């Protein structure tokens, strides 16, 4: 039996990073109750959750017992561990992480009692005007769409079962973040040979749009490159699974390893 939106009064968020808190905030703006588990989380997570209007519970176990929908939004390397910790959850579990189709199927297998929805977020943390989209596939995807109706996050259905939404996310990020890594590597190559200024001047002459793209790639990598290492690894695995070259994104992961996680700004 399809569970209606009205039955899904409490949504659990794992966890309120920059993207997760913004997604949770969309639900709060839409009149939903969103809870998060504070145990072991940073002061920055607590501040983001408070700003988004999320309700704090102590532990993940408390969140799992209160919520009827779980949203997993975390770095790719943590997706399986988070699912394993929620293994007895029997509600609707939405994995909205940047992982390969194979990984998301393993996540689903770790949740045998849950109704599983595969998701992939494309865009920046959602606010009014960002145009951010959550692509979903799998059983009960329509309920996820209804949950976000009228909010700043648009939900679109992808045909196919679990793995389809993740495949779309992988293909999209293969270009956006993969090409950003290539641009940074090209700049670093020129720098290593003492011709960076010449390269930038030539780009300005023949490819004027590249300067802005380089600035944005550098800014994004400085803030989030550490997180994208796992995403590039997942894209490389997706490429291998499709019998396509994986070297582009193996190399992109190496580029992003050069951008360590920034120090917390809150104590």
Protein backbone atom coordinates (compact mmCIF):
# COMPACT_ATOMS: atom_id res chain seq x y z
CA UNK A 1 0.00 0.00 0.00
CA UNK A 2 1.34 3.43 -0.91
CA UNK A 3 2.00 5.52 2.18
CA UNK A 4 0.69 9.05 1.78
CA UNK A 5 2.59 12.24 2.46
CA UNK A 6 0.30 12.98 5.40
CA UNK A 7 1.55 9.80 7.09
CA UNK A 8 5.15 10.93 6.75
CA UNK A 9 5.11 13.66 9.37
CA UNK A 10 8.72 13.38 10.56
CA UNK A 11 11.76 13.29 8.27
CA UNK A 12 15.16 12.27 9.62
CA UNK A 13 18.24 13.88 8.05
CA UNK A 14 21.62 12.15 7.99
CA UNK A 15 23.40 14.62 8.16
CA UNK A 16 23.24 18.45 8.13
CA UNK A 17 26.26 19.34 6.04
CA UNK A 18 25.96 22.36 3.76
CA UNK A 19 23.81 20.46 1.26
CA UNK A 20 21.89 18.40 3.81
CA UNK A 21 20.98 21.36 5.98
CA UNK A 22 19.72 23.31 2.97
CA UNK A 23 17.62 20.35 1.78
CA UNK A 24 16.24 19.92 5.28
CA UNK A 25 15.49 23.63 5.40
CA UNK A 26 13.39 23.27 2.24
CA UNK A 27 11.27 20.68 4.01
CA UNK A 28 10.92 22.89 7.08
CA UNK A 29 9.85 25.76 4.84
CA UNK A 30 7.23 23.41 3.40
CA UNK A 31 5.79 22.72 6.85
CA UNK A 32 7.58 19.44 7.57
CA UNK A 33 9.26 18.40 10.80
CA UNK A 34 12.90 17.48 10.18
CA UNK A 35 15.08 15.93 12.86
CA UNK A 36 18.82 15.33 13.03
CA UNK A 37 21.09 13.41 15.44
CA UNK A 38 23.56 15.59 17.34
CA UNK A 39 25.78 12.93 18.90
CA UNK A 40 29.31 13.14 17.52
CA UNK A 41 28.53 16.02 15.18
CA UNK A 42 30.50 19.26 15.00
CA UNK A 43 29.62 22.74 16.21
CA UNK A 44 29.31 23.72 12.55
CA UNK A 45 26.72 20.98 11.99
CA UNK A 46 24.79 22.21 15.01
CA UNK A 47 24.85 25.79 13.72
CA UNK A 48 23.69 24.76 10.24
CA UNK A 49 20.89 22.65 11.68
CA UNK A 50 19.68 25.47 13.92
CA UNK A 51 19.72 27.96 11.05
CA UNK A 52 17.68 25.56 8.90
CA UNK A 53 15.09 25.03 11.63
CA UNK A 54 15.86 21.36 12.20
CA UNK A 55 14.85 19.65 15.44
CA UNK A 56 17.68 18.08 17.42
CA UNK A 57 17.57 14.55 18.83
CA UNK A 58 20.42 12.96 20.72
CA UNK A 59 21.37 9.84 18.78
CA UNK A 60 20.88 8.21 15.41
CA UNK A 61 18.86 5.51 17.18
CA UNK A 62 16.42 8.20 18.37
CA UNK A 63 16.15 9.57 14.85
CA UNK A 64 15.42 6.14 13.41
CA UNK A 65 12.66 5.49 15.94
CA UNK A 66 10.92 8.85 15.36
CA UNK A 67 11.22 9.31 11.60
CA UNK A 68 9.15 7.67 8.88
CA UNK A 69 11.38 9.02 6.09
CA UNK A 70 15.18 9.13 6.17
CA UNK A 71 17.22 11.38 3.89
CA UNK A 72 20.87 10.35 3.62
CA UNK A 73 23.01 13.24 2.36
CA UNK A 74 26.66 12.68 3.20
CA UNK A 75 30.12 12.33 1.61
CA UNK A 76 30.12 9.35 -0.78
CA UNK A 77 32.53 7.27 1.29
CA UNK A 78 30.10 7.31 4.25
CA UNK A 79 26.92 6.26 2.42
CA UNK A 80 27.26 2.52 3.08
CA UNK A 81 28.18 2.91 6.75
CA UNK A 82 25.24 5.23 7.35
CA UNK A 83 22.88 2.76 5.69
CA UNK A 84 24.30 -0.13 7.72
CA UNK A 85 23.66 1.82 10.93
CA UNK A 86 20.02 2.19 9.84
CA UNK A 87 19.70 -1.44 8.77
CA UNK A 88 16.49 -2.15 10.73
CA UNK A 89 14.70 0.98 9.52
CA UNK A 90 11.32 0.09 8.00
CA UNK A 91 10.19 3.42 6.54
CA UNK A 92 11.19 5.19 3.33
CA UNK A 93 14.94 5.66 2.94
CA UNK A 94 16.18 8.17 0.35
CA UNK A 95 19.86 7.89 -0.52
CA UNK A 96 20.70 11.21 -2.19
CA UNK A 97 24.46 10.74 -2.30
CA UNK A 98 26.93 11.00 -5.17
CA UNK A 99 27.58 7.28 -5.53
CA UNK A 100 27.73 4.78 -8.38
CA UNK A 101 24.73 2.64 -9.35
CA UNK A 102 26.53 -0.39 -7.93
CA UNK A 103 27.17 1.38 -4.62
CA UNK A 104 23.58 2.56 -4.29
CA UNK A 105 22.36 -0.99 -4.88
CA UNK A 106 24.61 -2.13 -2.04
CA UNK A 107 23.14 0.65 0.11
CA UNK A 108 19.65 -0.61 -0.73
CA UNK A 109 20.65 -4.18 0.15
CA UNK A 110 21.77 -2.98 3.59
CA UNK A 111 18.19 -1.81 4.27
CA UNK A 112 16.07 -4.93 3.68
CA UNK A 113 13.02 -3.62 5.57
CA UNK A 114 12.95 -0.13 4.05
CA UNK A 115 11.24 1.21 0.97
CA UNK A 116 14.28 2.47 -0.89
CA UNK A 117 14.49 5.52 -3.15
CA UNK A 118 17.62 6.28 -5.17
CA UNK A 119 18.39 9.99 -5.47
CA UNK A 120 20.93 12.35 -6.99
CA UNK A 121 21.16 16.08 -6.29
CA UNK A 122 22.29 18.36 -9.11
CA UNK A 123 23.07 21.96 -8.25
CA UNK A 124 24.11 24.01 -5.24
CA UNK A 125 22.49 23.85 -1.79
CA UNK A 126 18.87 24.68 -2.57
CA UNK A 127 17.43 28.09 -1.86
CA UNK A 128 14.95 30.20 -3.77
CA UNK A 129 16.38 30.86 -7.22
CA UNK A 130 19.13 28.19 -7.26
CA UNK A 131 17.20 25.81 -9.53
CA UNK A 132 18.58 22.80 -7.66
CA UNK A 133 17.08 19.44 -8.59
CA UNK A 134 16.74 16.10 -6.86
CA UNK A 135 16.40 13.25 -9.36
CA UNK A 136 14.79 10.10 -7.93
CA UNK A 137 14.14 6.54 -9.05
CA UNK A 138 12.68 3.47 -7.40
CA UNK A 139 9.55 2.61 -5.45
CA UNK A 140 7.70 5.46 -3.78
CA UNK A 141 9.63 8.15 -5.64
CA UNK A 142 6.35 10.02 -6.09
CA UNK A 143 6.08 10.45 -2.33
CA UNK A 144 9.48 12.16 -2.26
CA UNK A 145 8.28 14.53 -4.97
CA UNK A 146 5.19 15.33 -2.91
CA UNK A 147 7.27 15.98 0.20
CA UNK A 148 9.16 18.76 -1.57
CA UNK A 149 6.21 20.20 -3.49
CA UNK A 150 6.24 24.00 -3.37
CA UNK A 151 9.80 24.22 -2.01
CA UNK A 152 13.05 25.49 -3.53
CA UNK A 153 14.10 21.91 -4.39
CA UNK A 154 12.53 20.43 -7.52
CA UNK A 155 12.12 16.64 -7.60
CA UNK A 156 12.14 14.85 -10.96
CA UNK A 157 11.44 11.19 -11.64
CA UNK A 158 13.96 9.12 -13.62
CA UNK A 159 12.63 6.04 -15.40
CA UNK A 160 14.12 2.80 -14.19
CA UNK A 161 14.75 1.30 -10.79
CA UNK A 162 17.35 1.82 -8.11
CA UNK A 163 20.58 2.96 -9.76
CA UNK A 164 19.05 5.12 -12.49
CA UNK A 165 19.08 8.40 -10.54
CA UNK A 166 22.63 7.72 -9.35
CA UNK A 167 23.75 6.97 -12.92
CA UNK A 168 22.41 10.35 -14.03
CA UNK A 169 24.23 12.09 -11.17
CA UNK A 170 27.47 10.30 -12.07
CA UNK A 171 27.22 11.26 -15.74
CA UNK A 172 26.48 14.89 -14.89
CA UNK A 173 29.29 15.27 -12.35
CA UNK A 174 31.69 13.41 -14.65
CA UNK A 175 31.68 16.56 -16.75
CA UNK A 176 31.14 19.37 -14.24
CA UNK A 177 33.61 18.32 -11.55
CA UNK A 178 35.80 16.24 -13.84
CA UNK A 179 36.37 19.14 -16.23
CA UNK A 180 37.04 21.45 -13.30
CA UNK A 181 39.82 19.12 -12.17
CA UNK A 182 41.28 19.09 -15.69
CA UNK A 183 41.29 22.88 -15.77
CA UNK A 184 43.10 23.06 -12.43
CA UNK A 185 45.64 20.46 -13.61
CA UNK A 186 46.31 22.41 -16.82
CA UNK A 187 46.90 25.57 -14.80
CA UNK A 188 49.21 23.71 -12.42
CA UNK A 189 51.15 22.24 -15.36
CA UNK A 190 51.79 25.72 -16.73
CA UNK A 191 52.75 26.94 -13.26
CA UNK A 192 55.27 24.13 -12.85
CA UNK A 193 57.00 25.24 -16.06
CA UNK A 194 56.91 28.94 -15.24
CA UNK A 195 54.40 29.82 -17.97
CA UNK A 196 51.22 30.26 -15.92
CA UNK A 197 50.89 33.96 -16.76
CA UNK A 198 51.31 33.19 -20.46
CA UNK A 199 48.64 30.49 -20.32
CA UNK A 200 46.21 32.77 -18.50
CA UNK A 201 46.84 35.50 -21.07
CA UNK A 202 46.20 33.09 -23.94
CA UNK A 203 43.03 31.80 -22.31
CA UNK A 204 41.90 35.40 -21.88
CA UNK A 205 42.56 36.00 -25.58
CA UNK A 206 41.17 32.85 -27.19
CA UNK A 207 38.92 31.32 -24.50
CA UNK A 208 37.73 34.26 -22.40
CA UNK A 209 35.16 32.19 -20.55
CA UNK A 210 37.87 29.98 -19.06
CA UNK A 211 39.13 32.61 -16.61
CA UNK A 212 35.82 32.70 -14.78
CA UNK A 213 35.56 28.92 -14.89
CA UNK A 214 39.05 28.58 -13.41
CA UNK A 215 38.19 31.00 -10.61
CA UNK A 216 35.05 29.03 -9.77
CA UNK A 217 36.87 25.69 -10.01
CA UNK A 218 39.57 26.90 -7.61
CA UNK A 219 37.06 28.32 -5.16
CA UNK A 220 34.94 25.17 -5.19
CA UNK A 221 37.92 22.83 -4.88
CA UNK A 222 39.32 24.81 -1.95
CA UNK A 223 36.02 24.44 -0.10
CA UNK A 224 34.94 20.95 -1.16
CA UNK A 225 37.73 19.20 -3.06
CA UNK A 226 38.34 16.81 -0.15
CA UNK A 227 34.75 15.65 -0.48
CA UNK A 228 34.96 15.21 -4.25
CA UNK A 229 37.77 12.65 -4.05
CA UNK A 230 35.22 9.99 -3.16
CA UNK A 231 32.83 11.26 -5.82
CA UNK A 232 35.51 10.97 -8.51
CA UNK A 233 36.26 7.44 -7.31
CA UNK A 234 32.56 6.61 -7.64
CA UNK A 235 32.45 8.06 -11.16
CA UNK A 236 35.53 6.05 -12.12
CA UNK A 237 33.80 2.90 -10.85
CA UNK A 238 30.68 3.80 -12.84
CA UNK A 239 32.81 4.21 -15.96
CA UNK A 240 34.44 0.82 -15.42
CA UNK A 241 31.03 -0.76 -14.93
CA UNK A 242 29.98 0.58 -18.33
CA UNK A 243 33.22 -0.62 -20.01
CA UNK A 244 34.34 2.99 -20.45
CA UNK A 245 37.75 4.52 -19.62
CA UNK A 246 38.03 5.35 -15.93
CA UNK A 247 41.34 7.20 -16.10
CA UNK A 248 39.79 10.66 -16.45
CA UNK A 249 38.25 10.46 -13.02
CA UNK A 250 41.00 8.47 -11.32
CA UNK A 251 43.18 11.46 -12.24
CA UNK A 252 40.49 13.94 -11.14
CA UNK A 253 40.47 12.28 -7.71
CA UNK A 254 44.24 12.82 -7.54
CA UNK A 255 43.76 16.51 -8.34
CA UNK A 256 41.19 16.95 -5.59
CA UNK A 257 43.40 15.15 -3.06
CA UNK A 258 45.52 18.29 -3.26
CA UNK A 259 42.72 20.24 -1.57
CA UNK A 260 42.49 19.10 2.08
CA UNK A 261 39.42 19.61 4.22
CA UNK A 262 39.29 23.20 5.57
CA UNK A 263 39.66 23.68 9.30
CA UNK A 264 36.37 24.22 11.18
CA UNK A 265 35.46 27.86 11.69
CA UNK A 266 33.56 27.14 14.92
CA UNK A 267 35.11 25.66 18.09
